[in-house]
Amino acid sequence: MNKIIMPLTLGTSDEIKKGIKDIVNQLEKNNYAISLNGKATRLFGKKIPDVYKRKGIVIFSKPSYRYPNGELKSVIVINPKYRILKRGKYKFKILLK
């Protein structure tokens, strides 16, 4: 489970790149991230290996409230036993503390 995760694909737009960068920065700093960028959150979630999701290391909330402008707030949480180690703007590893 000591894998470098790169949550971008070829042709990712600048808006989504900025959203993913914000998510990674928040996760590194707080062990949780709050995002209003649904496209960035979906792409981030697709690129996280399933083993991290099944074991409860990375937990994604399901948005239940839609803001008047159409945005959904998503929360991503890293288990407190783990931390994120950045390996560039977008790349990171999930390590045991």
PDB file of N, CA and C in Angstrom:
ATOM      1  N   MET A   1       0.814  -1.207   0.000  1.00  0.00           N
ATOM      2  CA  MET A   1       0.000   0.000   0.000  1.00  0.00           C
ATOM      3  C   MET A   1       0.851   1.263   0.000  1.00  0.00           C
ATOM      4  N   ASN A   2       2.110   1.130  -0.304  1.00  0.00           N
ATOM      5  CA  ASN A   2       2.997   2.283  -0.313  1.00  0.00           C
ATOM      6  C   ASN A   2       3.167   2.786  -1.743  1.00  0.00           C
ATOM      7  N   LYS A   3       2.077   3.201  -2.343  1.00  0.00           N
ATOM      8  CA  LYS A   3       2.024   3.572  -3.740  1.00  0.00           C
ATOM      9  C   LYS A   3       1.879   5.079  -3.895  1.00  0.00           C
ATOM     10  N   ILE A   4       2.573   5.643  -4.890  1.00  0.00           N
ATOM     11  CA  ILE A   4       2.392   7.062  -5.209  1.00  0.00           C
ATOM     12  C   ILE A   4       1.122   7.192  -6.035  1.00  0.00           C
ATOM     13  N   ILE A   5       0.233   8.079  -5.601  1.00  0.00           N
ATOM     14  CA  ILE A   5      -1.055   8.278  -6.257  1.00  0.00           C
ATOM     15  C   ILE A   5      -1.000   9.581  -7.049  1.00  0.00           C
ATOM     16  N   MET A   6      -1.371   9.513  -8.318  1.00  0.00           N
ATOM     17  CA  MET A   6      -1.415  10.687  -9.191  1.00  0.00           C
ATOM     18  C   MET A   6      -2.847  10.839  -9.677  1.00  0.00           C
ATOM     19  N   PRO A   7      -3.650  11.733  -9.062  1.00  0.00           N
ATOM     20  CA  PRO A   7      -5.080  11.823  -9.401  1.00  0.00           C
ATOM     21  C   PRO A   7      -5.413  12.678 -10.616  1.00  0.00           C
ATOM     22  N   LEU A   8      -4.547  12.708 -11.620  1.00  0.00           N
ATOM     23  CA  LEU A   8      -4.833  13.451 -12.837  1.00  0.00           C
ATOM     24  C   LEU A   8      -4.809  12.508 -14.029  1.00  0.00           C
ATOM     25  N   THR A   9      -5.489  12.906 -15.099  1.00  0.00           N
ATOM     26  CA  THR A   9      -5.432  12.183 -16.359  1.00  0.00           C
ATOM     27  C   THR A   9      -4.941  13.139 -17.436  1.00  0.00           C
ATOM     28  N   LEU A  10      -4.613  12.607 -18.572  1.00  0.00           N
ATOM     29  CA  LEU A  10      -4.221  13.468 -19.687  1.00  0.00           C
ATOM     30  C   LEU A  10      -5.411  14.324 -20.098  1.00  0.00           C
ATOM     31  N   GLY A  11      -5.140  15.573 -20.345  1.00  0.00           N
ATOM     32  CA  GLY A  11      -6.204  16.463 -20.793  1.00  0.00           C
ATOM     33  C   GLY A  11      -7.082  17.005 -19.679  1.00  0.00           C
ATOM     34  N   THR A  12      -6.634  16.904 -18.438  1.00  0.00           N
ATOM     35  CA  THR A  12      -7.405  17.454 -17.318  1.00  0.00           C
ATOM     36  C   THR A  12      -7.399  18.974 -17.413  1.00  0.00           C
ATOM     37  N   SER A  13      -8.557  19.578 -17.241  1.00  0.00           N
ATOM     38  CA  SER A  13      -8.662  21.046 -17.354  1.00  0.00           C
ATOM     39  C   SER A  13      -7.989  21.727 -16.164  1.00  0.00           C
ATOM     40  N   ASP A  14      -7.669  23.003 -16.338  1.00  0.00           N
ATOM     41  CA  ASP A  14      -7.009  23.779 -15.284  1.00  0.00           C
ATOM     42  C   ASP A  14      -7.884  23.910 -14.044  1.00  0.00           C
ATOM     43  N   GLU A  15      -9.196  24.017 -14.240  1.00  0.00           N
ATOM     44  CA  GLU A  15     -10.136  24.132 -13.115  1.00  0.00           C
ATOM     45  C   GLU A  15     -10.078  22.868 -12.238  1.00  0.00           C
ATOM     46  N   ILE A  16     -10.061  21.717 -12.877  1.00  0.00           N
ATOM     47  CA  ILE A  16     -10.017  20.457 -12.129  1.00  0.00           C
ATOM     48  C   ILE A  16      -8.651  20.275 -11.473  1.00  0.00           C
ATOM     49  N   LYS A  17      -7.583  20.670 -12.169  1.00  0.00           N
ATOM     50  CA  LYS A  17      -6.240  20.588 -11.580  1.00  0.00           C
ATOM     51  C   LYS A  17      -6.154  21.435 -10.316  1.00  0.00           C
ATOM     52  N   LYS A  18      -6.711  22.639 -10.375  1.00  0.00           N
ATOM     53  CA  LYS A  18      -6.694  23.520  -9.203  1.00  0.00           C
ATOM     54  C   LYS A  18      -7.493  22.900  -8.064  1.00  0.00           C
ATOM     55  N   GLY A  19      -8.657  22.301  -8.373  1.00  0.00           N
ATOM     56  CA  GLY A  19      -9.469  21.657  -7.355  1.00  0.00           C
ATOM     57  C   GLY A  19      -8.755  20.482  -6.698  1.00  0.00           C
ATOM     58  N   ILE A  20      -8.071  19.674  -7.493  1.00  0.00           N
ATOM     59  CA  ILE A  20      -7.336  18.529  -6.943  1.00  0.00           C
ATOM     60  C   ILE A  20      -6.156  19.003  -6.108  1.00  0.00           C
ATOM     61  N   LYS A  21      -5.481  20.042  -6.572  1.00  0.00           N
ATOM     62  CA  LYS A  21      -4.361  20.595  -5.798  1.00  0.00           C
ATOM     63  C   LYS A  21      -4.849  21.095  -4.441  1.00  0.00           C
ATOM     64  N   ASP A  22      -5.996  21.767  -4.421  1.00  0.00           N
ATOM     65  CA  ASP A  22      -6.574  22.242  -3.163  1.00  0.00           C
ATOM     66  C   ASP A  22      -6.929  21.070  -2.241  1.00  0.00           C
ATOM     67  N   ILE A  23      -7.486  20.004  -2.797  1.00  0.00           N
ATOM     68  CA  ILE A  23      -7.843  18.830  -1.994  1.00  0.00           C
ATOM     69  C   ILE A  23      -6.598  18.215  -1.371  1.00  0.00           C
ATOM     70  N   VAL A  24      -5.545  18.040  -2.170  1.00  0.00           N
ATOM     71  CA  VAL A  24      -4.303  17.435  -1.665  1.00  0.00           C
ATOM     72  C   VAL A  24      -3.680  18.315  -0.583  1.00  0.00           C
ATOM     73  N   ASN A  25      -3.672  19.635  -0.791  1.00  0.00           N
ATOM     74  CA  ASN A  25      -3.104  20.544   0.219  1.00  0.00           C
ATOM     75  C   ASN A  25      -3.885  20.480   1.529  1.00  0.00           C
ATOM     76  N   GLN A  26      -5.215  20.461   1.449  1.00  0.00           N
ATOM     77  CA  GLN A  26      -6.034  20.376   2.662  1.00  0.00           C
ATOM     78  C   GLN A  26      -5.814  19.041   3.375  1.00  0.00           C
ATOM     79  N   LEU A  27      -5.738  17.955   2.624  1.00  0.00           N
ATOM     80  CA  LEU A  27      -5.524  16.645   3.238  1.00  0.00           C
ATOM     81  C   LEU A  27      -4.173  16.574   3.921  1.00  0.00           C
ATOM     82  N   GLU A  28      -3.162  17.180   3.319  1.00  0.00           N
ATOM     83  CA  GLU A  28      -1.833  17.173   3.940  1.00  0.00           C
ATOM     84  C   GLU A  28      -1.829  17.982   5.238  1.00  0.00           C
ATOM     85  N   LYS A  29      -2.522  19.103   5.218  1.00  0.00           N
ATOM     86  CA  LYS A  29      -2.515  19.997   6.373  1.00  0.00           C
ATOM     87  C   LYS A  29      -3.449  19.528   7.491  1.00  0.00           C
ATOM     88  N   ASN A  30      -4.676  19.102   7.153  1.00  0.00           N
ATOM     89  CA  ASN A  30      -5.714  18.853   8.157  1.00  0.00           C
ATOM     90  C   ASN A  30      -6.163  17.401   8.275  1.00  0.00           C
ATOM     91  N   ASN A  31      -5.766  16.551   7.354  1.00  0.00           N
ATOM     92  CA  ASN A  31      -6.262  15.167   7.262  1.00  0.00           C
ATOM     93  C   ASN A  31      -7.730  15.115   6.814  1.00  0.00           C
ATOM     94  N   TYR A  32      -8.281  16.218   6.381  1.00  0.00           N
ATOM     95  CA  TYR A  32      -9.608  16.244   5.760  1.00  0.00           C
ATOM     96  C   TYR A  32      -9.627  17.374   4.739  1.00  0.00           C
ATOM     97  N   ALA A  33     -10.530  17.259   3.793  1.00  0.00           N
ATOM     98  CA  ALA A  33     -10.665  18.298   2.765  1.00  0.00           C
ATOM     99  C   ALA A  33     -12.139  18.527   2.479  1.00  0.00           C
ATOM    100  N   ILE A  34     -12.494  19.772   2.256  1.00  0.00           N
ATOM    101  CA  ILE A  34     -13.854  20.150   1.876  1.00  0.00           C
ATOM    102  C   ILE A  34     -13.765  20.768   0.482  1.00  0.00           C
ATOM    103  N   SER A  35     -14.552  20.247  -0.423  1.00  0.00           N
ATOM    104  CA  SER A  35     -14.480  20.700  -1.812  1.00  0.00           C
ATOM    105  C   SER A  35     -15.870  20.992  -2.358  1.00  0.00           C
ATOM    106  N   LEU A  36     -15.973  22.068  -3.103  1.00  0.00           N
ATOM    107  CA  LEU A  36     -17.199  22.399  -3.820  1.00  0.00           C
ATOM    108  C   LEU A  36     -17.071  22.063  -5.304  1.00  0.00           C
ATOM    109  N   ASN A  37     -15.911  21.597  -5.709  1.00  0.00           N
ATOM    110  CA  ASN A  37     -15.652  21.249  -7.101  1.00  0.00           C
ATOM    111  C   ASN A  37     -15.963  19.766  -7.294  1.00  0.00           C
ATOM    112  N   GLY A  38     -17.154  19.466  -7.764  1.00  0.00           N
ATOM    113  CA  GLY A  38     -17.606  18.085  -7.913  1.00  0.00           C
ATOM    114  C   GLY A  38     -16.799  17.280  -8.909  1.00  0.00           C
ATOM    115  N   LYS A  39     -16.382  17.895 -10.004  1.00  0.00           N
ATOM    116  CA  LYS A  39     -15.599  17.186 -11.014  1.00  0.00           C
ATOM    117  C   LYS A  39     -14.235  16.778 -10.455  1.00  0.00           C
ATOM    118  N   ALA A  40     -13.601  17.679  -9.713  1.00  0.00           N
ATOM    119  CA  ALA A  40     -12.298  17.371  -9.120  1.00  0.00           C
ATOM    120  C   ALA A  40     -12.438  16.274  -8.064  1.00  0.00           C
ATOM    121  N   THR A  41     -13.499  16.319  -7.271  1.00  0.00           N
ATOM    122  CA  THR A  41     -13.721  15.310  -6.248  1.00  0.00           C
ATOM    123  C   THR A  41     -13.970  13.937  -6.869  1.00  0.00           C
ATOM    124  N   ARG A  42     -14.750  13.886  -7.936  1.00  0.00           N
ATOM    125  CA  ARG A  42     -15.016  12.609  -8.611  1.00  0.00           C
ATOM    126  C   ARG A  42     -13.745  12.022  -9.212  1.00  0.00           C
ATOM    127  N   LEU A  43     -12.938  12.851  -9.881  1.00  0.00           N
ATOM    128  CA  LEU A  43     -11.698  12.367 -10.467  1.00  0.00           C
ATOM    129  C   LEU A  43     -10.735  11.909  -9.373  1.00  0.00           C
ATOM    130  N   PHE A  44     -10.658  12.667  -8.287  1.00  0.00           N
ATOM    131  CA  PHE A  44      -9.800  12.296  -7.153  1.00  0.00           C
ATOM    132  C   PHE A  44     -10.238  10.941  -6.598  1.00  0.00           C
ATOM    133  N   GLY A  45     -11.532  10.757  -6.432  1.00  0.00           N
ATOM    134  CA  GLY A  45     -12.060   9.500  -5.902  1.00  0.00           C
ATOM    135  C   GLY A  45     -11.825   8.316  -6.819  1.00  0.00           C
ATOM    136  N   LYS A  46     -11.880   8.548  -8.141  1.00  0.00           N
ATOM    137  CA  LYS A  46     -11.647   7.469  -9.092  1.00  0.00           C
ATOM    138  C   LYS A  46     -10.195   7.015  -9.080  1.00  0.00           C
ATOM    139  N   LYS A  47      -9.273   7.907  -8.779  1.00  0.00           N
ATOM    140  CA  LYS A  47      -7.855   7.586  -8.824  1.00  0.00           C
ATOM    141  C   LYS A  47      -7.307   7.014  -7.514  1.00  0.00           C
ATOM    142  N   ILE A  48      -8.079   7.095  -6.423  1.00  0.00           N
ATOM    143  CA  ILE A  48      -7.663   6.486  -5.162  1.00  0.00           C
ATOM    144  C   ILE A  48      -7.872   4.975  -5.283  1.00  0.00           C
ATOM    145  N   PRO A  49      -6.852   4.158  -4.996  1.00  0.00           N
ATOM    146  CA  PRO A  49      -7.033   2.698  -5.087  1.00  0.00           C
ATOM    147  C   PRO A  49      -8.155   2.199  -4.174  1.00  0.00           C
ATOM    148  N   ASP A  50      -8.882   1.201  -4.646  1.00  0.00           N
ATOM    149  CA  ASP A  50     -10.026   0.670  -3.897  1.00  0.00           C
ATOM    150  C   ASP A  50      -9.643   0.132  -2.524  1.00  0.00           C
ATOM    151  N   VAL A  51      -8.422  -0.371  -2.380  1.00  0.00           N
ATOM    152  CA  VAL A  51      -8.016  -0.931  -1.092  1.00  0.00           C
ATOM    153  C   VAL A  51      -8.057   0.141   0.007  1.00  0.00           C
ATOM    154  N   TYR A  52      -7.718   1.378  -0.325  1.00  0.00           N
ATOM    155  CA  TYR A  52      -7.770   2.467   0.653  1.00  0.00           C
ATOM    156  C   TYR A  52      -9.211   2.778   1.058  1.00  0.00           C
ATOM    157  N   LYS A  53     -10.123   2.674   0.108  1.00  0.00           N
ATOM    158  CA  LYS A  53     -11.535   2.946   0.400  1.00  0.00           C
ATOM    159  C   LYS A  53     -12.152   1.811   1.201  1.00  0.00           C
ATOM    160  N   ARG A  54     -11.853   0.572   0.829  1.00  0.00           N
ATOM    161  CA  ARG A  54     -12.443  -0.586   1.530  1.00  0.00           C
ATOM    162  C   ARG A  54     -11.980  -0.683   2.971  1.00  0.00           C
ATOM    163  N   LYS A  55     -10.716  -0.343   3.227  1.00  0.00           N
ATOM    164  CA  LYS A  55     -10.175  -0.443   4.585  1.00  0.00           C
ATOM    165  C   LYS A  55     -10.494   0.788   5.435  1.00  0.00           C
ATOM    166  N   GLY A  56     -11.163   1.776   4.871  1.00  0.00           N
ATOM    167  CA  GLY A  56     -11.548   2.967   5.639  1.00  0.00           C
ATOM    168  C   GLY A  56     -10.405   3.932   5.864  1.00  0.00           C
ATOM    169  N   ILE A  57      -9.384   3.875   5.037  1.00  0.00           N
ATOM    170  CA  ILE A  57      -8.257   4.799   5.159  1.00  0.00           C
ATOM    171  C   ILE A  57      -8.633   6.149   4.563  1.00  0.00           C
ATOM    172  N   VAL A  58      -9.324   6.127   3.441  1.00  0.00           N
ATOM    173  CA  VAL A  58      -9.835   7.347   2.802  1.00  0.00           C
ATOM    174  C   VAL A  58     -11.351   7.212   2.741  1.00  0.00           C
ATOM    175  N   ILE A  59     -12.039   8.189   3.316  1.00  0.00           N
ATOM    176  CA  ILE A  59     -13.500   8.145   3.391  1.00  0.00           C
ATOM    177  C   ILE A  59     -14.062   9.359   2.649  1.00  0.00           C
ATOM    178  N   PHE A  60     -15.008   9.101   1.759  1.00  0.00           N
ATOM    179  CA  PHE A  60     -15.661  10.159   0.994  1.00  0.00           C
ATOM    180  C   PHE A  60     -17.087  10.310   1.493  1.00  0.00           C
ATOM    181  N   SER A  61     -17.523  11.559   1.729  1.00  0.00           N
ATOM    182  CA  SER A  61     -18.913  11.797   2.096  1.00  0.00           C
ATOM    183  C   SER A  61     -19.750  11.843   0.831  1.00  0.00           C
ATOM    184  N   LYS A  62     -21.008  11.541   0.976  1.00  0.00           N
ATOM    185  CA  LYS A  62     -21.934  11.700  -0.137  1.00  0.00           C
ATOM    186  C   LYS A  62     -22.650  13.027   0.063  1.00  0.00           C
ATOM    187  N   PRO A  63     -22.525  13.933  -0.901  1.00  0.00           N
ATOM    188  CA  PRO A  63     -23.166  15.236  -0.729  1.00  0.00           C
ATOM    189  C   PRO A  63     -24.687  15.108  -0.661  1.00  0.00           C
ATOM    190  N   SER A  64     -25.268  15.791   0.306  1.00  0.00           N
ATOM    191  CA  SER A  64     -26.714  15.706   0.463  1.00  0.00           C
ATOM    192  C   SER A  64     -27.396  17.061   0.254  1.00  0.00           C
ATOM    193  N   TYR A  65     -26.621  18.133   0.273  1.00  0.00           N
ATOM    194  CA  TYR A  65     -27.206  19.463   0.142  1.00  0.00           C
ATOM    195  C   TYR A  65     -26.653  20.136  -1.108  1.00  0.00           C
ATOM    196  N   ARG A  66     -27.524  20.645  -1.938  1.00  0.00           N
ATOM    197  CA  ARG A  66     -27.110  21.382  -3.133  1.00  0.00           C
ATOM    198  C   ARG A  66     -27.292  22.871  -2.860  1.00  0.00           C
ATOM    199  N   TYR A  67     -26.204  23.632  -3.010  1.00  0.00           N
ATOM    200  CA  TYR A  67     -26.259  25.069  -2.822  1.00  0.00           C
ATOM    201  C   TYR A  67     -27.092  25.710  -3.931  1.00  0.00           C
ATOM    202  N   PRO A  68     -27.613  26.915  -3.695  1.00  0.00           N
ATOM    203  CA  PRO A  68     -28.460  27.571  -4.701  1.00  0.00           C
ATOM    204  C   PRO A  68     -27.789  27.732  -6.065  1.00  0.00           C
ATOM    205  N   ASN A  69     -26.455  27.841  -6.097  1.00  0.00           N
ATOM    206  CA  ASN A  69     -25.763  27.981  -7.385  1.00  0.00           C
ATOM    207  C   ASN A  69     -25.476  26.624  -8.028  1.00  0.00           C
ATOM    208  N   GLY A  70     -25.949  25.534  -7.430  1.00  0.00           N
ATOM    209  CA  GLY A  70     -25.820  24.209  -8.012  1.00  0.00           C
ATOM    210  C   GLY A  70     -24.633  23.397  -7.530  1.00  0.00           C
ATOM    211  N   GLU A  71     -23.810  23.974  -6.654  1.00  0.00           N
ATOM    212  CA  GLU A  71     -22.632  23.260  -6.174  1.00  0.00           C
ATOM    213  C   GLU A  71     -22.974  22.288  -5.050  1.00  0.00           C
ATOM    214  N   LEU A  72     -22.215  21.207  -4.986  1.00  0.00           N
ATOM    215  CA  LEU A  72     -22.343  20.223  -3.920  1.00  0.00           C
ATOM    216  C   LEU A  72     -21.080  20.252  -3.077  1.00  0.00           C
ATOM    217  N   LYS A  73     -21.238  20.194  -1.749  1.00  0.00           N
ATOM    218  CA  LYS A  73     -20.078  20.173  -0.873  1.00  0.00           C
ATOM    219  C   LYS A  73     -19.728  18.726  -0.562  1.00  0.00           C
ATOM    220  N   SER A  74     -18.484  18.341  -0.825  1.00  0.00           N
ATOM    221  CA  SER A  74     -18.003  16.995  -0.528  1.00  0.00           C
ATOM    222  C   SER A  74     -16.907  17.083   0.523  1.00  0.00           C
ATOM    223  N   VAL A  75     -16.866  16.091   1.399  1.00  0.00           N
ATOM    224  CA  VAL A  75     -15.839  16.020   2.430  1.00  0.00           C
ATOM    225  C   VAL A  75     -15.064  14.724   2.234  1.00  0.00           C
ATOM    226  N   ILE A  76     -13.742  14.837   2.247  1.00  0.00           N
ATOM    227  CA  ILE A  76     -12.847  13.691   2.132  1.00  0.00           C
ATOM    228  C   ILE A  76     -12.029  13.646   3.412  1.00  0.00           C
ATOM    229  N   VAL A  77     -11.983  12.484   4.050  1.00  0.00           N
ATOM    230  CA  VAL A  77     -11.292  12.348   5.331  1.00  0.00           C
ATOM    231  C   VAL A  77     -10.269  11.229   5.233  1.00  0.00           C
ATOM    232  N   ILE A  78      -9.090  11.474   5.807  1.00  0.00           N
ATOM    233  CA  ILE A  78      -8.058  10.449   5.930  1.00  0.00           C
ATOM    234  C   ILE A  78      -8.101   9.946   7.369  1.00  0.00           C
ATOM    235  N   ASN A  79      -8.076   8.627   7.541  1.00  0.00           N
ATOM    236  CA  ASN A  79      -8.059   8.020   8.868  1.00  0.00           C
ATOM    237  C   ASN A  79      -6.947   8.663   9.705  1.00  0.00           C
ATOM    238  N   PRO A  80      -7.205   9.000  10.975  1.00  0.00           N
ATOM    239  CA  PRO A  80      -6.195   9.679  11.809  1.00  0.00           C
ATOM    240  C   PRO A  80      -4.905   8.891  12.001  1.00  0.00           C
ATOM    241  N   LYS A  81      -4.923   7.592  11.754  1.00  0.00           N
ATOM    242  CA  LYS A  81      -3.707   6.787  11.883  1.00  0.00           C
ATOM    243  C   LYS A  81      -2.762   6.986  10.697  1.00  0.00           C
ATOM    244  N   TYR A  82      -3.258   7.644   9.644  1.00  0.00           N
ATOM    245  CA  TYR A  82      -2.487   7.820   8.419  1.00  0.00           C
ATOM    246  C   TYR A  82      -2.249   9.289   8.145  1.00  0.00           C
ATOM    247  N   ARG A  83      -1.305   9.557   7.267  1.00  0.00           N
ATOM    248  CA  ARG A  83      -1.015  10.927   6.849  1.00  0.00           C
ATOM    249  C   ARG A  83      -0.671  10.919   5.367  1.00  0.00           C
ATOM    250  N   ILE A  84      -0.691  12.102   4.771  1.00  0.00           N
ATOM    251  CA  ILE A  84      -0.348  12.249   3.354  1.00  0.00           C
ATOM    252  C   ILE A  84       1.037  12.867   3.252  1.00  0.00           C
ATOM    253  N   LEU A  85       1.842  12.316   2.374  1.00  0.00           N
ATOM    254  CA  LEU A  85       3.160  12.860   2.074  1.00  0.00           C
ATOM    255  C   LEU A  85       3.152  13.273   0.603  1.00  0.00           C
ATOM    256  N   LYS A  86       3.241  14.586   0.344  1.00  0.00           N
ATOM    257  CA  LYS A  86       3.195  15.086  -1.030  1.00  0.00           C
ATOM    258  C   LYS A  86       4.480  14.756  -1.753  1.00  0.00           C
ATOM    259  N   ARG A  87       4.353  14.438  -3.044  1.00  0.00           N
ATOM    260  CA  ARG A  87       5.487  14.131  -3.915  1.00  0.00           C
ATOM    261  C   ARG A  87       5.451  15.009  -5.159  1.00  0.00           C
ATOM    262  N   GLY A  88       5.014  16.237  -5.024  1.00  0.00           N
ATOM    263  CA  GLY A  88       4.868  17.164  -6.146  1.00  0.00           C
ATOM    264  C   GLY A  88       3.581  17.941  -5.939  1.00  0.00           C
ATOM    265  N   LYS A  89       3.136  18.647  -6.975  1.00  0.00           N
ATOM    266  CA  LYS A  89       1.907  19.435  -6.854  1.00  0.00           C
ATOM    267  C   LYS A  89       0.686  18.549  -6.646  1.00  0.00           C
ATOM    268  N   TYR A  90       0.641  17.429  -7.359  1.00  0.00           N
ATOM    269  CA  TYR A  90      -0.553  16.599  -7.349  1.00  0.00           C
ATOM    270  C   TYR A  90      -0.304  15.192  -6.804  1.00  0.00           C
ATOM    271  N   LYS A  91       0.923  14.711  -6.856  1.00  0.00           N
ATOM    272  CA  LYS A  91       1.240  13.354  -6.425  1.00  0.00           C
ATOM    273  C   LYS A  91       1.372  13.291  -4.910  1.00  0.00           C
ATOM    274  N   PHE A  92       0.996  12.141  -4.348  1.00  0.00           N
ATOM    275  CA  PHE A  92       1.139  11.958  -2.911  1.00  0.00           C
ATOM    276  C   PHE A  92       1.142  10.479  -2.563  1.00  0.00           C
ATOM    277  N   LYS A  93       1.588  10.197  -1.341  1.00  0.00           N
ATOM    278  CA  LYS A  93       1.543   8.849  -0.778  1.00  0.00           C
ATOM    279  C   LYS A  93       0.717   8.911   0.486  1.00  0.00           C
ATOM    280  N   ILE A  94       0.064   7.823   0.830  1.00  0.00           N
ATOM    281  CA  ILE A  94      -0.637   7.707   2.095  1.00  0.00           C
ATOM    282  C   ILE A  94       0.189   6.782   2.968  1.00  0.00           C
ATOM    283  N   LEU A  95       0.698   7.312   4.076  1.00  0.00           N
ATOM    284  CA  LEU A  95       1.599   6.568   4.950  1.00  0.00           C
ATOM    285  C   LEU A  95       1.036   6.445   6.356  1.00  0.00           C
ATOM    286  N   LEU A  96       1.458   5.397   7.045  1.00  0.00           N
ATOM    287  CA  LEU A  96       1.089   5.206   8.445  1.00  0.00           C
ATOM    288  C   LEU A  96       1.876   6.211   9.279  1.00  0.00           C
ATOM    289  N   LYS A  97       1.250   6.818  10.272  1.00  0.00           N
ATOM    290  CA  LYS A  97       1.948   7.807  11.117  1.00  0.00           C
ATOM    291  C   LYS A  97       2.971   7.140  11.991  1.00  0.00           C
TER     292      LYS A  97
END
